[in-house]
């Protein structure tokens, strides 16, 4: 008898969590941060370390009101998910960028790879770590 959890359902839920992040980008810092656990760690592409949902919310709110206003997060070009334990998932998304107003495609030098760790909580999956890094490509010195 196969007692492994239904990973397809978990992957659908994790993909929905990612979609909620992408949709909330530049519109609602609290909605973006709600995809994280209360004690999450968020490493931005500039290396800054945000600790906890409240700090993520405030930082993104400030960014969305300032230099990140009217930007959009692209969908990833690729995504992998693995489950080290039944209630933990590691999601890697690559080929993600922040699109500036008027941009329809990611510029090669803006592409990122992101690692998220998610935990299954009583009310569903939430990301607990996020690390964003630029991708090395032929356009990067």
N, C-alpha and C. Protein backbone atom coordinates (compact mmCIF):
# COMPACT_ATOMS: atom_id res chain seq x y z
N UNK A 1 0.84 -1.18 0.00
CA UNK A 1 0.00 0.00 0.00
C UNK A 1 0.89 1.24 0.00
N UNK A 2 0.60 2.19 -0.86
CA UNK A 2 1.37 3.43 -0.95
C UNK A 2 0.83 4.43 0.07
N UNK A 3 1.67 4.80 1.05
CA UNK A 3 1.24 5.75 2.07
C UNK A 3 1.86 7.13 1.87
N UNK A 4 2.56 7.34 0.74
CA UNK A 4 3.15 8.65 0.46
C UNK A 4 2.05 9.68 0.28
N UNK A 5 2.29 10.89 0.79
CA UNK A 5 1.28 11.93 0.61
C UNK A 5 1.06 12.25 -0.87
N UNK A 6 -0.07 12.81 -1.16
CA UNK A 6 -0.42 13.18 -2.53
C UNK A 6 0.39 14.42 -2.92
N UNK A 7 1.51 14.22 -3.55
CA UNK A 7 2.40 15.32 -3.92
C UNK A 7 1.80 16.21 -4.99
N UNK A 8 0.97 15.66 -5.85
CA UNK A 8 0.34 16.48 -6.89
C UNK A 8 -0.50 17.59 -6.26
N UNK A 9 -1.27 17.25 -5.24
CA UNK A 9 -2.09 18.25 -4.55
C UNK A 9 -1.20 19.29 -3.87
N UNK A 10 -0.10 18.84 -3.26
CA UNK A 10 0.83 19.76 -2.63
C UNK A 10 1.45 20.71 -3.66
N UNK A 11 1.84 20.18 -4.80
CA UNK A 11 2.45 21.01 -5.84
C UNK A 11 1.45 22.04 -6.36
N UNK A 12 0.20 21.64 -6.53
CA UNK A 12 -0.83 22.59 -6.96
C UNK A 12 -0.97 23.71 -5.93
N UNK A 13 -0.98 23.35 -4.65
CA UNK A 13 -1.11 24.37 -3.59
C UNK A 13 0.12 25.28 -3.54
N UNK A 14 1.31 24.71 -3.72
CA UNK A 14 2.54 25.52 -3.73
C UNK A 14 2.58 26.45 -4.94
N UNK A 15 2.15 25.95 -6.08
CA UNK A 15 2.08 26.81 -7.28
C UNK A 15 1.09 27.95 -7.08
N UNK A 16 -0.01 27.69 -6.40
CA UNK A 16 -0.98 28.74 -6.09
C UNK A 16 -0.37 29.77 -5.14
N UNK A 17 0.39 29.32 -4.17
CA UNK A 17 1.07 30.24 -3.25
C UNK A 17 2.04 31.14 -4.02
N UNK A 18 2.78 30.56 -4.94
CA UNK A 18 3.69 31.34 -5.79
C UNK A 18 2.90 32.33 -6.66
N UNK A 19 1.80 31.89 -7.23
CA UNK A 19 0.97 32.77 -8.05
C UNK A 19 0.47 33.95 -7.23
N UNK A 20 0.10 33.70 -5.97
CA UNK A 20 -0.36 34.79 -5.10
C UNK A 20 0.76 35.80 -4.86
N UNK A 21 2.01 35.32 -4.72
CA UNK A 21 3.14 36.23 -4.57
C UNK A 21 3.29 37.09 -5.82
N UNK A 22 3.29 36.46 -6.96
CA UNK A 22 3.49 37.18 -8.22
C UNK A 22 2.38 38.22 -8.42
N UNK A 23 1.14 37.85 -8.12
CA UNK A 23 0.01 38.76 -8.28
C UNK A 23 0.09 39.95 -7.32
N UNK A 24 0.56 39.70 -6.10
CA UNK A 24 0.62 40.76 -5.09
C UNK A 24 1.78 41.73 -5.33
N UNK A 25 2.77 41.33 -6.12
CA UNK A 25 3.95 42.17 -6.32
C UNK A 25 3.56 43.58 -6.77
N UNK A 26 4.14 44.55 -6.12
CA UNK A 26 3.99 45.98 -6.42
C UNK A 26 2.58 46.50 -6.20
N UNK A 27 1.72 45.69 -5.67
CA UNK A 27 0.35 46.14 -5.41
C UNK A 27 0.06 46.15 -3.91
N UNK A 28 0.56 45.13 -3.19
CA UNK A 28 0.14 44.96 -1.81
C UNK A 28 1.22 44.21 -1.03
N UNK A 29 2.03 44.96 -0.28
CA UNK A 29 3.10 44.35 0.50
C UNK A 29 2.59 43.35 1.52
N UNK A 30 1.44 43.64 2.14
CA UNK A 30 0.88 42.73 3.13
C UNK A 30 0.43 41.42 2.48
N UNK A 31 -0.18 41.50 1.29
CA UNK A 31 -0.62 40.28 0.60
C UNK A 31 0.59 39.45 0.17
N UNK A 32 1.65 40.12 -0.30
CA UNK A 32 2.87 39.41 -0.66
C UNK A 32 3.44 38.73 0.59
N UNK A 33 3.55 39.47 1.68
CA UNK A 33 4.12 38.92 2.91
C UNK A 33 3.26 37.82 3.52
N UNK A 34 1.95 37.83 3.25
CA UNK A 34 1.06 36.81 3.80
C UNK A 34 1.37 35.42 3.26
N UNK A 35 2.17 35.33 2.20
CA UNK A 35 2.56 34.02 1.68
C UNK A 35 3.69 33.40 2.49
N UNK A 36 4.17 34.14 3.51
CA UNK A 36 5.28 33.68 4.36
C UNK A 36 4.80 33.35 5.77
N UNK A 37 5.60 32.55 6.47
CA UNK A 37 5.36 32.29 7.88
C UNK A 37 5.67 33.57 8.67
N UNK A 38 5.17 33.65 9.88
CA UNK A 38 5.41 34.83 10.72
C UNK A 38 6.90 35.07 10.96
N UNK A 39 7.70 34.00 11.03
CA UNK A 39 9.12 34.12 11.35
C UNK A 39 10.03 33.92 10.14
N UNK A 40 9.52 34.17 8.95
CA UNK A 40 10.25 33.90 7.71
C UNK A 40 11.54 34.72 7.61
N UNK A 41 12.47 34.19 6.82
CA UNK A 41 13.70 34.88 6.44
C UNK A 41 13.63 35.15 4.94
N UNK A 42 13.89 36.42 4.56
CA UNK A 42 13.78 36.86 3.17
C UNK A 42 15.09 37.54 2.81
N UNK A 43 15.83 36.95 1.86
CA UNK A 43 17.08 37.53 1.37
C UNK A 43 16.79 38.10 -0.01
N UNK A 44 16.89 39.42 -0.11
CA UNK A 44 16.63 40.12 -1.37
C UNK A 44 17.83 40.02 -2.30
N UNK A 45 17.62 40.37 -3.56
CA UNK A 45 18.68 40.27 -4.57
C UNK A 45 19.89 41.14 -4.21
N UNK A 46 19.69 42.20 -3.42
CA UNK A 46 20.81 43.05 -3.00
C UNK A 46 21.52 42.52 -1.77
N UNK A 47 21.08 41.38 -1.26
CA UNK A 47 21.71 40.76 -0.10
C UNK A 47 21.12 41.18 1.23
N UNK A 48 20.15 42.08 1.23
CA UNK A 48 19.54 42.49 2.49
C UNK A 48 18.72 41.33 3.07
N UNK A 49 18.66 41.26 4.39
CA UNK A 49 18.01 40.16 5.09
C UNK A 49 16.84 40.73 5.89
N UNK A 50 15.64 40.37 5.49
CA UNK A 50 14.43 40.76 6.21
C UNK A 50 14.02 39.58 7.08
N UNK A 51 13.66 39.90 8.34
CA UNK A 51 13.32 38.85 9.30
C UNK A 51 11.87 39.01 9.75
N UNK A 52 11.06 38.06 9.40
CA UNK A 52 9.67 38.04 9.84
C UNK A 52 8.71 38.73 8.88
N UNK A 53 7.48 38.27 8.94
CA UNK A 53 6.43 38.78 8.04
C UNK A 53 6.23 40.28 8.18
N UNK A 54 6.28 40.81 9.40
CA UNK A 54 6.07 42.24 9.60
C UNK A 54 7.15 43.05 8.90
N UNK A 55 8.41 42.63 9.00
CA UNK A 55 9.49 43.36 8.34
C UNK A 55 9.40 43.24 6.82
N UNK A 56 9.00 42.07 6.33
CA UNK A 56 8.80 41.89 4.88
C UNK A 56 7.69 42.83 4.40
N UNK A 57 6.59 42.86 5.14
CA UNK A 57 5.47 43.73 4.77
C UNK A 57 5.91 45.18 4.68
N UNK A 58 6.59 45.67 5.71
CA UNK A 58 6.98 47.08 5.75
C UNK A 58 7.98 47.42 4.66
N UNK A 59 8.97 46.57 4.44
CA UNK A 59 9.97 46.83 3.42
C UNK A 59 9.34 46.87 2.03
N UNK A 60 8.46 45.92 1.74
CA UNK A 60 7.82 45.89 0.44
C UNK A 60 6.84 47.04 0.27
N UNK A 61 6.13 47.40 1.32
CA UNK A 61 5.22 48.54 1.25
C UNK A 61 6.01 49.80 0.85
N UNK A 62 7.14 50.02 1.52
CA UNK A 62 7.98 51.17 1.19
C UNK A 62 8.48 51.10 -0.26
N UNK A 63 8.92 49.92 -0.68
CA UNK A 63 9.40 49.74 -2.04
C UNK A 63 8.32 49.95 -3.08
N UNK A 64 7.11 49.43 -2.81
CA UNK A 64 6.02 49.55 -3.76
C UNK A 64 5.53 51.00 -3.86
N UNK A 65 5.74 51.78 -2.80
CA UNK A 65 5.38 53.20 -2.84
C UNK A 65 6.50 54.03 -3.45
N UNK A 66 7.68 53.43 -3.64
CA UNK A 66 8.83 54.15 -4.16
C UNK A 66 9.39 53.54 -5.42
N UNK A 67 10.62 53.05 -5.33
CA UNK A 67 11.35 52.61 -6.53
C UNK A 67 10.75 51.39 -7.22
N UNK A 68 9.93 50.61 -6.55
CA UNK A 68 9.32 49.44 -7.19
C UNK A 68 7.88 49.69 -7.65
N UNK A 69 7.42 50.93 -7.55
CA UNK A 69 6.05 51.26 -7.95
C UNK A 69 5.83 50.89 -9.42
N UNK A 70 4.69 50.31 -9.68
CA UNK A 70 4.26 49.96 -11.04
C UNK A 70 5.13 48.92 -11.73
N UNK A 71 5.96 48.20 -10.96
CA UNK A 71 6.71 47.09 -11.54
C UNK A 71 5.86 45.83 -11.46
N UNK A 72 6.30 44.80 -12.19
CA UNK A 72 5.61 43.51 -12.16
C UNK A 72 6.65 42.42 -12.01
N UNK A 73 6.31 41.37 -11.27
CA UNK A 73 7.18 40.20 -11.18
C UNK A 73 6.79 39.25 -12.31
N UNK A 74 7.78 38.82 -13.07
CA UNK A 74 7.49 37.87 -14.14
C UNK A 74 7.23 36.48 -13.57
N UNK A 75 6.56 35.68 -14.35
CA UNK A 75 6.43 34.26 -14.00
C UNK A 75 7.79 33.61 -14.23
N UNK A 76 8.11 32.56 -13.49
CA UNK A 76 9.39 31.88 -13.71
C UNK A 76 9.42 31.14 -15.03
N UNK A 77 10.61 31.06 -15.60
CA UNK A 77 10.79 30.26 -16.81
C UNK A 77 10.84 28.77 -16.48
N UNK A 78 11.31 28.46 -15.27
CA UNK A 78 11.30 27.07 -14.82
C UNK A 78 11.08 27.03 -13.31
N UNK A 79 10.57 25.89 -12.84
CA UNK A 79 10.28 25.69 -11.43
C UNK A 79 10.46 24.23 -11.09
N UNK A 80 11.17 23.97 -9.99
CA UNK A 80 11.28 22.61 -9.47
C UNK A 80 10.82 22.61 -8.02
N UNK A 81 10.29 21.48 -7.60
CA UNK A 81 9.86 21.32 -6.22
C UNK A 81 10.31 19.94 -5.76
N UNK A 82 10.88 19.89 -4.56
CA UNK A 82 11.19 18.60 -3.94
C UNK A 82 10.77 18.65 -2.48
N UNK A 83 10.57 17.50 -1.89
CA UNK A 83 10.04 17.39 -0.54
C UNK A 83 11.03 16.65 0.35
N UNK A 84 11.91 17.36 1.08
CA UNK A 84 12.84 16.69 1.98
C UNK A 84 12.13 15.94 3.11
N UNK A 85 10.98 16.47 3.54
CA UNK A 85 10.14 15.82 4.55
C UNK A 85 8.69 15.99 4.10
N UNK A 86 7.77 15.25 4.68
CA UNK A 86 6.37 15.37 4.25
C UNK A 86 5.78 16.78 4.38
N UNK A 87 6.28 17.56 5.34
CA UNK A 87 5.71 18.88 5.58
C UNK A 87 6.65 20.02 5.22
N UNK A 88 7.65 19.73 4.38
CA UNK A 88 8.59 20.75 3.92
C UNK A 88 8.83 20.58 2.43
N UNK A 89 8.85 21.69 1.72
CA UNK A 89 9.13 21.67 0.29
C UNK A 89 10.20 22.71 -0.02
N UNK A 90 11.05 22.39 -0.99
CA UNK A 90 12.03 23.34 -1.51
C UNK A 90 11.63 23.61 -2.95
N UNK A 91 11.38 24.88 -3.24
CA UNK A 91 10.98 25.31 -4.58
C UNK A 91 12.09 26.21 -5.14
N UNK A 92 12.55 25.88 -6.34
CA UNK A 92 13.52 26.72 -7.03
C UNK A 92 12.87 27.23 -8.30
N UNK A 93 12.84 28.56 -8.43
CA UNK A 93 12.31 29.19 -9.63
C UNK A 93 13.45 29.93 -10.30
N UNK A 94 13.55 29.81 -11.60
CA UNK A 94 14.61 30.53 -12.30
C UNK A 94 14.03 31.25 -13.51
N UNK A 95 14.77 32.26 -13.94
CA UNK A 95 14.31 33.07 -15.05
C UNK A 95 13.25 34.07 -14.65
N UNK A 96 13.31 34.53 -13.41
CA UNK A 96 12.36 35.50 -12.88
C UNK A 96 13.00 36.88 -12.97
N UNK A 97 12.19 37.91 -13.23
CA UNK A 97 12.70 39.28 -13.18
C UNK A 97 11.60 40.20 -12.71
N UNK A 98 12.00 41.41 -12.40
CA UNK A 98 11.05 42.47 -12.11
C UNK A 98 10.97 43.33 -13.35
N UNK A 99 9.79 43.36 -13.94
CA UNK A 99 9.56 44.13 -15.16
C UNK A 99 9.24 45.58 -14.81
N UNK A 100 9.99 46.48 -15.39
CA UNK A 100 9.77 47.91 -15.21
C UNK A 100 8.56 48.33 -16.05
N UNK A 101 7.95 49.47 -15.71
CA UNK A 101 6.82 49.95 -16.51
C UNK A 101 7.20 50.01 -18.00
N UNK A 102 6.35 49.46 -18.84
CA UNK A 102 6.58 49.44 -20.28
C UNK A 102 7.33 48.21 -20.78
N UNK A 103 7.97 47.47 -19.88
CA UNK A 103 8.69 46.26 -20.30
C UNK A 103 7.74 45.08 -20.41
N UNK A 104 7.94 44.28 -21.43
CA UNK A 104 7.14 43.06 -21.61
C UNK A 104 7.98 41.81 -21.46
N UNK A 105 9.31 41.94 -21.58
CA UNK A 105 10.21 40.79 -21.49
C UNK A 105 11.34 41.10 -20.51
N UNK A 106 11.84 40.06 -19.89
CA UNK A 106 12.97 40.20 -18.98
C UNK A 106 14.24 40.48 -19.78
N UNK A 107 15.03 41.41 -19.29
CA UNK A 107 16.36 41.63 -19.86
C UNK A 107 17.29 40.60 -19.23
N UNK A 108 18.22 40.03 -20.00
CA UNK A 108 19.09 38.97 -19.47
C UNK A 108 19.81 39.36 -18.17
N UNK A 109 20.23 40.60 -18.05
CA UNK A 109 20.97 41.01 -16.86
C UNK A 109 20.08 41.16 -15.62
N UNK A 110 18.77 41.07 -15.78
CA UNK A 110 17.87 41.18 -14.63
C UNK A 110 17.32 39.84 -14.17
N UNK A 111 17.68 38.75 -14.85
CA UNK A 111 17.14 37.44 -14.49
C UNK A 111 17.67 36.97 -13.14
N UNK A 112 16.79 36.37 -12.36
CA UNK A 112 17.14 35.86 -11.04
C UNK A 112 16.76 34.40 -10.90
N UNK A 113 17.39 33.76 -9.92
CA UNK A 113 17.02 32.42 -9.48
C UNK A 113 16.67 32.56 -8.00
N UNK A 114 15.59 31.92 -7.61
CA UNK A 114 15.09 32.07 -6.25
C UNK A 114 14.89 30.71 -5.62
N UNK A 115 15.30 30.61 -4.37
CA UNK A 115 15.08 29.39 -3.59
C UNK A 115 14.12 29.72 -2.46
N UNK A 116 13.04 28.97 -2.39
CA UNK A 116 12.06 29.13 -1.32
C UNK A 116 11.93 27.79 -0.59
N UNK A 117 11.85 27.86 0.73
CA UNK A 117 11.51 26.70 1.53
C UNK A 117 10.11 26.94 2.06
N UNK A 118 9.25 25.96 1.92
CA UNK A 118 7.87 26.08 2.39
C UNK A 118 7.59 25.04 3.47
N UNK A 119 6.73 25.42 4.40
CA UNK A 119 6.28 24.52 5.45
C UNK A 119 4.78 24.34 5.35
N UNK A 120 4.33 23.11 5.61
CA UNK A 120 2.89 22.86 5.66
C UNK A 120 2.42 23.20 7.08
N UNK A 121 1.54 24.18 7.18
CA UNK A 121 0.97 24.60 8.45
C UNK A 121 -0.46 24.11 8.54
N UNK A 122 -1.12 24.36 9.65
CA UNK A 122 -2.50 23.91 9.83
C UNK A 122 -3.43 24.49 8.76
N UNK A 123 -3.12 25.72 8.31
CA UNK A 123 -3.99 26.37 7.31
C UNK A 123 -3.41 26.34 5.90
N UNK A 124 -2.42 25.49 5.66
CA UNK A 124 -1.87 25.35 4.32
C UNK A 124 -0.38 25.67 4.27
N UNK A 125 0.17 25.65 3.07
CA UNK A 125 1.59 25.90 2.87
C UNK A 125 1.90 27.38 2.97
N UNK A 126 3.08 27.69 3.55
CA UNK A 126 3.62 29.05 3.59
C UNK A 126 5.13 28.95 3.38
N UNK A 127 5.67 29.95 2.69
CA UNK A 127 7.12 30.02 2.54
C UNK A 127 7.73 30.49 3.85
N UNK A 128 8.86 29.88 4.23
CA UNK A 128 9.54 30.28 5.45
C UNK A 128 10.94 30.82 5.18
N UNK A 129 11.49 30.52 4.01
CA UNK A 129 12.73 31.16 3.57
C UNK A 129 12.60 31.51 2.10
N UNK A 130 13.31 32.58 1.73
CA UNK A 130 13.34 33.05 0.35
C UNK A 130 14.73 33.63 0.13
N UNK A 131 15.39 33.20 -0.93
CA UNK A 131 16.71 33.74 -1.27
C UNK A 131 16.72 34.03 -2.77
N UNK A 132 17.00 35.27 -3.12
CA UNK A 132 16.96 35.74 -4.49
C UNK A 132 18.37 36.11 -4.93
N UNK A 133 18.84 35.55 -6.05
CA UNK A 133 20.18 35.85 -6.58
C UNK A 133 20.09 36.07 -8.08
N UNK A 134 20.94 36.92 -8.59
CA UNK A 134 21.03 37.09 -10.04
C UNK A 134 21.57 35.81 -10.66
N UNK A 135 21.09 35.52 -11.87
CA UNK A 135 21.57 34.36 -12.62
C UNK A 135 22.81 34.76 -13.41
N UNK A 136 23.76 33.89 -13.45
CA UNK A 136 24.92 34.11 -14.33
C UNK A 136 24.51 33.71 -15.72
N UNK A 137 24.82 34.55 -16.68
CA UNK A 137 24.49 34.23 -18.06
C UNK A 137 25.54 34.88 -18.95
N UNK A 138 25.41 34.73 -20.23
CA UNK A 138 26.41 35.24 -21.16
C UNK A 138 26.48 36.75 -21.17
N UNK A 139 25.47 37.43 -20.61
CA UNK A 139 25.47 38.89 -20.59
C UNK A 139 26.05 39.45 -19.30
N UNK A 140 26.40 38.59 -18.36
CA UNK A 140 26.94 39.03 -17.08
C UNK A 140 28.45 39.04 -17.17
N UNK A 141 29.09 40.16 -16.79
CA UNK A 141 30.57 40.22 -16.86
C UNK A 141 31.22 39.20 -15.94
